[in-house]
Amino acid sequence: MKRGVLLIFCAVAYAQDPFEIHVYEYEKLRPLQFTLEQHLNYWAIGSRQPDGVQAPTNDQLHMTYELTGGITDHMSLGFMQLNAVLPGKGFQYAGWRVLPHFYAPESWKLPVELGLVVEFSFARPQYIPQTAHVEIRPIIEKTIGAKGHEVQFDFNPVFARSLRGENVSSGWHFEPAARVAYGDSERARLRPYLEWYSEIGYLPDFPSIEKQVHQIFPGVDVRLSKNLVWSVGIGAGLTPEQPRMVIKSHLEWEFGRETH
């Protein structure tokens, strides 16, 4: 009984990533090809009281800058720098991350496109209680439909584990996310999408659904130029857990070696 209560408490304590709200797609980079990304997340309705050393999330703005470069045709490496603006405290440095990416080649002729991103994160405790943690993020992608009218499905069954800070002994945390988008990913000027993010709980004992985090983000990708895409969405919480509303923006610029 005590173990069950502890697991439920830990599941609540492991909140949504405030710095990167993003479903990963099958996006290979060739050697000497790069992407520079900016993630902006504004927690419009979040917690209003501190949770231990963690600051209240309400009215926080998070800014993440991510540079990823291709190493081989099927492997790339990314680095993130994390920042935040706290009400009454201003701009603050929040941490950093390193992310190796791996992608299954098309020559394998799999029924879906597969990838894997491993994230090593190091953050200040007022933003993420798990000050060092690792995420294993598989990428499963499938596109159906005629050219120009494609429907793309992406699923990330994410597993995360704390390495330092809170919940080190709690094991692996399950955080699946999914995305469905309509339109040509390379040419469509506007591409509507619907995303789902969740924090289910620690394996193998998941808490009841009202103790989990589930969010739906409707949004749109706007192609500003051939190599520049801006994505914006508004997320609403489906359970009583925080955050209740988040506005997110993702700007991605591709440069370096030509893709074609």
Protein backbone atom coordinates (compact mmCIF):
# COMPACT_ATOMS: atom_id res chain seq x y z
CA MET A 1 0.00 0.00 0.00
CA LYS A 2 2.79 2.43 0.91
CA ARG A 3 4.61 1.57 -2.31
CA GLY A 4 1.49 2.35 -4.35
CA VAL A 5 1.06 5.74 -2.70
CA LEU A 6 4.71 6.55 -3.32
CA LEU A 7 4.43 5.62 -7.01
CA ILE A 8 1.36 7.81 -7.46
CA PHE A 9 3.14 10.73 -5.80
CA CYS A 10 6.19 10.27 -8.03
CA ALA A 11 4.04 10.10 -11.16
CA VAL A 12 2.56 13.48 -10.30
CA ALA A 13 5.98 14.94 -9.48
CA TYR A 14 7.36 14.03 -12.92
CA ALA A 15 5.70 16.85 -14.87
CA GLN A 16 5.70 17.69 -18.56
CA ASP A 17 8.99 18.85 -20.10
CA PRO A 18 8.75 22.65 -20.02
CA PHE A 19 11.46 23.29 -22.63
CA GLU A 20 10.65 21.07 -25.61
CA ILE A 21 7.06 20.17 -26.46
CA HIS A 22 7.70 18.44 -29.75
CA VAL A 23 6.80 15.17 -31.48
CA TYR A 24 9.90 13.90 -33.28
CA GLU A 25 9.48 12.94 -36.94
CA TYR A 26 11.63 10.86 -39.28
CA GLU A 27 13.95 13.70 -40.32
CA LYS A 28 17.33 12.52 -41.51
CA LEU A 29 20.22 14.90 -42.07
CA ARG A 30 23.08 14.24 -44.44
CA PRO A 31 26.71 14.99 -43.48
CA LEU A 32 27.32 18.77 -43.34
CA GLN A 33 23.59 19.44 -43.25
CA PHE A 34 22.23 21.28 -40.18
CA THR A 35 19.06 22.47 -38.51
CA LEU A 36 18.81 25.37 -36.06
CA GLU A 37 15.63 25.35 -33.98
CA GLN A 38 14.01 27.69 -31.50
CA HIS A 39 11.38 26.36 -29.08
CA LEU A 40 9.22 28.92 -27.24
CA ASN A 41 6.72 27.60 -24.67
CA TYR A 42 4.51 29.86 -22.58
CA TRP A 43 2.70 28.24 -19.64
CA ALA A 44 -0.46 30.33 -19.62
CA ILE A 45 -2.15 28.29 -16.87
CA GLY A 46 0.21 26.37 -14.62
CA SER A 47 0.93 25.88 -10.93
CA ARG A 48 0.88 28.96 -8.69
CA GLN A 49 2.78 27.60 -5.67
CA PRO A 50 6.36 26.29 -5.41
CA ASP A 51 6.78 22.51 -5.28
CA GLY A 52 9.83 22.11 -3.09
CA VAL A 53 12.68 23.83 -4.96
CA GLN A 54 10.67 23.89 -8.19
CA ALA A 55 9.31 27.34 -9.06
CA PRO A 56 5.61 27.89 -9.88
CA THR A 57 5.07 27.24 -13.59
CA ASN A 58 2.25 29.74 -14.14
CA ASP A 59 3.27 32.58 -16.51
CA GLN A 60 6.70 31.04 -17.23
CA LEU A 61 8.27 31.48 -20.67
CA HIS A 62 10.78 28.86 -21.82
CA MET A 63 13.26 29.40 -24.66
CA THR A 64 15.32 26.57 -26.11
CA TYR A 65 17.87 26.75 -28.91
CA GLU A 66 18.86 23.52 -30.64
CA LEU A 67 21.57 22.89 -33.24
CA THR A 68 21.67 19.48 -34.96
CA GLY A 69 24.20 18.34 -37.55
CA GLY A 70 24.37 15.28 -39.78
CA ILE A 71 27.28 12.89 -39.19
CA THR A 72 26.32 10.11 -41.61
CA ASP A 73 23.23 9.60 -43.79
CA HIS A 74 21.57 7.83 -40.85
CA MET A 75 23.06 9.49 -37.76
CA SER A 76 23.13 13.06 -36.45
CA LEU A 77 23.95 14.85 -33.20
CA GLY A 78 22.09 17.70 -31.53
CA PHE A 79 22.79 20.15 -28.70
CA MET A 80 20.21 22.22 -26.77
CA GLN A 81 20.64 25.29 -24.61
CA LEU A 82 17.76 25.95 -22.16
CA ASN A 83 16.54 29.32 -20.87
CA ALA A 84 13.53 30.63 -18.97
CA VAL A 85 11.86 33.87 -17.94
CA LEU A 86 10.36 33.73 -14.44
CA PRO A 87 7.79 36.30 -13.30
CA GLY A 88 9.59 38.87 -11.16
CA LYS A 89 13.03 37.32 -11.77
CA GLY A 90 13.63 37.83 -15.48
CA PHE A 91 15.78 35.85 -17.89
CA GLN A 92 17.66 32.85 -16.48
CA TYR A 93 19.91 30.09 -17.80
CA ALA A 94 18.20 26.72 -17.21
CA GLY A 95 20.47 23.95 -18.53
CA TRP A 96 21.62 22.00 -21.58
CA ARG A 97 21.09 18.73 -23.45
CA VAL A 98 22.83 16.48 -25.94
CA LEU A 99 20.84 14.31 -28.37
CA PRO A 100 22.22 11.63 -30.71
CA HIS A 101 19.78 10.70 -33.51
CA PHE A 102 19.62 7.38 -35.40
CA TYR A 103 17.44 6.49 -38.42
CA ALA A 104 16.74 3.18 -40.14
CA PRO A 105 17.68 3.38 -43.85
CA GLU A 106 14.96 3.20 -46.50
CA SER A 107 16.82 0.26 -48.07
CA TRP A 108 15.48 -1.91 -45.25
CA LYS A 109 12.02 -1.49 -46.84
CA LEU A 110 10.19 -1.49 -43.53
CA PRO A 111 6.41 -0.94 -43.44
CA VAL A 112 7.03 2.21 -41.34
CA GLU A 113 9.91 4.68 -41.03
CA LEU A 114 11.85 4.16 -37.81
CA GLY A 115 14.19 6.37 -35.82
CA LEU A 116 15.57 6.73 -32.33
CA VAL A 117 16.65 9.81 -30.36
CA VAL A 118 18.45 9.47 -27.01
CA GLU A 119 18.40 12.63 -24.89
CA PHE A 120 20.75 13.39 -22.00
CA SER A 121 19.44 16.40 -20.07
CA PHE A 122 21.06 18.54 -17.36
CA ALA A 123 18.81 21.22 -15.85
CA ARG A 124 18.51 23.53 -12.85
CA PRO A 125 16.20 22.13 -10.13
CA GLN A 126 13.78 25.10 -10.09
CA TYR A 127 12.68 24.01 -13.60
CA ILE A 128 13.08 20.23 -13.67
CA PRO A 129 13.44 18.31 -10.35
CA GLN A 130 15.22 15.50 -12.22
CA THR A 131 18.35 17.63 -12.70
CA ALA A 132 19.98 14.93 -14.83
CA HIS A 133 17.87 12.48 -16.78
CA VAL A 134 17.88 10.35 -19.92
CA GLU A 135 15.08 9.87 -22.44
CA ILE A 136 14.77 7.03 -24.96
CA ARG A 137 12.55 8.31 -27.78
CA PRO A 138 11.65 5.87 -30.60
CA ILE A 139 10.17 7.41 -33.77
CA ILE A 140 7.51 5.49 -35.69
CA GLU A 141 6.19 7.26 -38.79
CA LYS A 142 3.71 6.31 -41.52
CA THR A 143 2.44 8.45 -44.42
CA ILE A 144 -0.65 7.57 -46.44
CA GLY A 145 -2.61 9.28 -49.23
CA ALA A 146 -1.95 10.84 -52.62
CA LYS A 147 0.78 13.41 -53.27
CA GLY A 148 -0.26 16.78 -51.90
CA HIS A 149 -2.95 15.21 -49.73
CA GLU A 150 -0.81 13.07 -47.46
CA VAL A 151 -1.72 12.25 -43.90
CA GLN A 152 1.38 11.69 -41.78
CA PHE A 153 1.24 9.80 -38.48
CA ASP A 154 4.07 9.94 -35.92
CA PHE A 155 4.29 8.14 -32.60
CA ASN A 156 6.98 8.58 -29.92
CA PRO A 157 6.68 5.99 -27.09
CA VAL A 158 9.09 7.85 -24.79
CA PHE A 159 10.76 6.28 -21.74
CA ALA A 160 12.55 8.60 -19.28
CA ARG A 161 14.66 7.96 -16.20
CA SER A 162 16.05 10.30 -13.56
CA LEU A 163 19.83 10.10 -13.05
CA ARG A 164 20.14 12.85 -10.43
CA GLY A 165 17.69 14.80 -8.30
CA GLU A 166 14.18 13.57 -7.56
CA ASN A 167 12.89 10.03 -8.26
CA VAL A 168 16.28 8.43 -9.06
CA SER A 169 15.12 5.12 -7.58
CA SER A 170 11.68 5.18 -9.21
CA GLY A 171 12.72 3.56 -12.50
CA TRP A 172 11.44 4.33 -15.99
CA HIS A 173 8.66 6.82 -16.66
CA PHE A 174 6.37 6.35 -19.71
CA GLU A 175 5.61 9.54 -21.70
CA PRO A 176 4.07 8.70 -25.10
CA ALA A 177 3.33 11.43 -27.66
CA ALA A 178 1.74 11.36 -31.10
CA ARG A 179 1.06 13.64 -34.07
CA VAL A 180 -1.13 13.57 -37.17
CA ALA A 181 -0.57 16.17 -39.92
CA TYR A 182 -2.24 16.81 -43.27
CA GLY A 183 -0.48 18.03 -46.41
CA ASP A 184 2.85 17.84 -48.24
CA SER A 185 5.60 18.14 -45.61
CA GLU A 186 8.02 19.71 -48.13
CA ARG A 187 5.78 22.07 -50.15
CA ALA A 188 2.52 22.88 -48.36
CA ARG A 189 2.36 26.51 -47.22
CA LEU A 190 0.01 25.64 -44.36
CA ARG A 191 -0.06 22.19 -42.77
CA PRO A 192 -2.56 21.65 -39.94
CA TYR A 193 -1.77 19.11 -37.24
CA LEU A 194 -3.06 17.64 -34.00
CA GLU A 195 -0.62 16.50 -31.29
CA TRP A 196 -1.06 14.55 -28.06
CA TYR A 197 1.36 14.57 -25.15
CA SER A 198 1.15 12.57 -21.95
CA GLU A 199 2.86 11.62 -18.70
CA ILE A 200 1.44 8.17 -17.90
CA GLY A 201 3.55 7.15 -14.90
CA TYR A 202 6.32 4.87 -13.69
CA LEU A 203 6.53 1.30 -14.95
CA PRO A 204 4.87 -1.03 -14.21
CA ASP A 205 2.25 0.53 -11.87
CA PHE A 206 0.44 3.41 -13.56
CA PRO A 207 -1.80 5.73 -11.50
CA SER A 208 -5.44 6.42 -12.37
CA ILE A 209 -6.00 8.64 -15.42
CA GLU A 210 -6.91 11.71 -13.36
CA LYS A 211 -3.39 11.57 -11.87
CA GLN A 212 -1.80 11.48 -15.33
CA VAL A 213 -0.97 14.36 -17.69
CA HIS A 214 -2.76 14.37 -21.06
CA GLN A 215 -2.70 17.34 -23.42
CA ILE A 216 -4.07 17.99 -26.90
CA PHE A 217 -2.34 20.56 -29.13
CA PRO A 218 -4.11 21.67 -32.33
CA GLY A 219 -1.80 23.75 -34.48
CA VAL A 220 -0.38 24.55 -37.90
CA ASP A 221 3.01 24.40 -39.63
CA VAL A 222 3.67 27.53 -41.72
CA ARG A 223 6.34 27.24 -44.43
CA LEU A 224 7.91 30.70 -44.54
CA SER A 225 10.49 29.72 -47.17
CA LYS A 226 12.04 26.59 -48.65
CA ASN A 227 14.22 26.01 -45.58
CA LEU A 228 12.28 27.81 -42.83
CA VAL A 229 9.19 26.40 -41.08
CA TRP A 230 7.30 27.93 -38.16
CA SER A 231 4.96 25.77 -36.10
CA VAL A 232 2.50 27.12 -33.53
CA GLY A 233 -0.04 25.36 -31.32
CA ILE A 234 -2.16 25.80 -28.21
CA GLY A 235 -2.37 22.93 -25.74
CA ALA A 236 -5.18 22.22 -23.31
CA GLY A 237 -4.97 19.78 -20.40
CA LEU A 238 -7.50 16.94 -20.34
CA THR A 239 -6.95 15.98 -16.68
CA PRO A 240 -6.65 18.02 -13.43
CA GLU A 241 -2.83 17.77 -13.52
CA GLN A 242 -0.69 20.77 -14.54
CA PRO A 243 -0.16 22.42 -16.94
CA ARG A 244 -3.71 23.35 -17.91
CA MET A 245 -2.84 25.52 -20.93
CA VAL A 246 0.40 26.01 -22.88
CA ILE A 247 1.14 28.04 -26.03
CA LYS A 248 4.07 26.70 -28.04
CA SER A 249 6.10 27.91 -31.00
CA HIS A 250 8.77 26.02 -32.94
CA LEU A 251 10.92 27.70 -35.62
CA GLU A 252 13.22 25.45 -37.68
CA TRP A 253 15.83 26.61 -40.20
CA GLU A 254 17.66 24.07 -42.36
CA PHE A 255 21.04 25.04 -43.83
CA GLY A 256 24.32 23.64 -45.10
CA ARG A 257 24.53 20.83 -47.62
CA GLU A 258 21.59 20.65 -50.02
CA THR A 259 19.11 17.87 -49.32
CA HIS A 260 18.58 17.05 -53.00
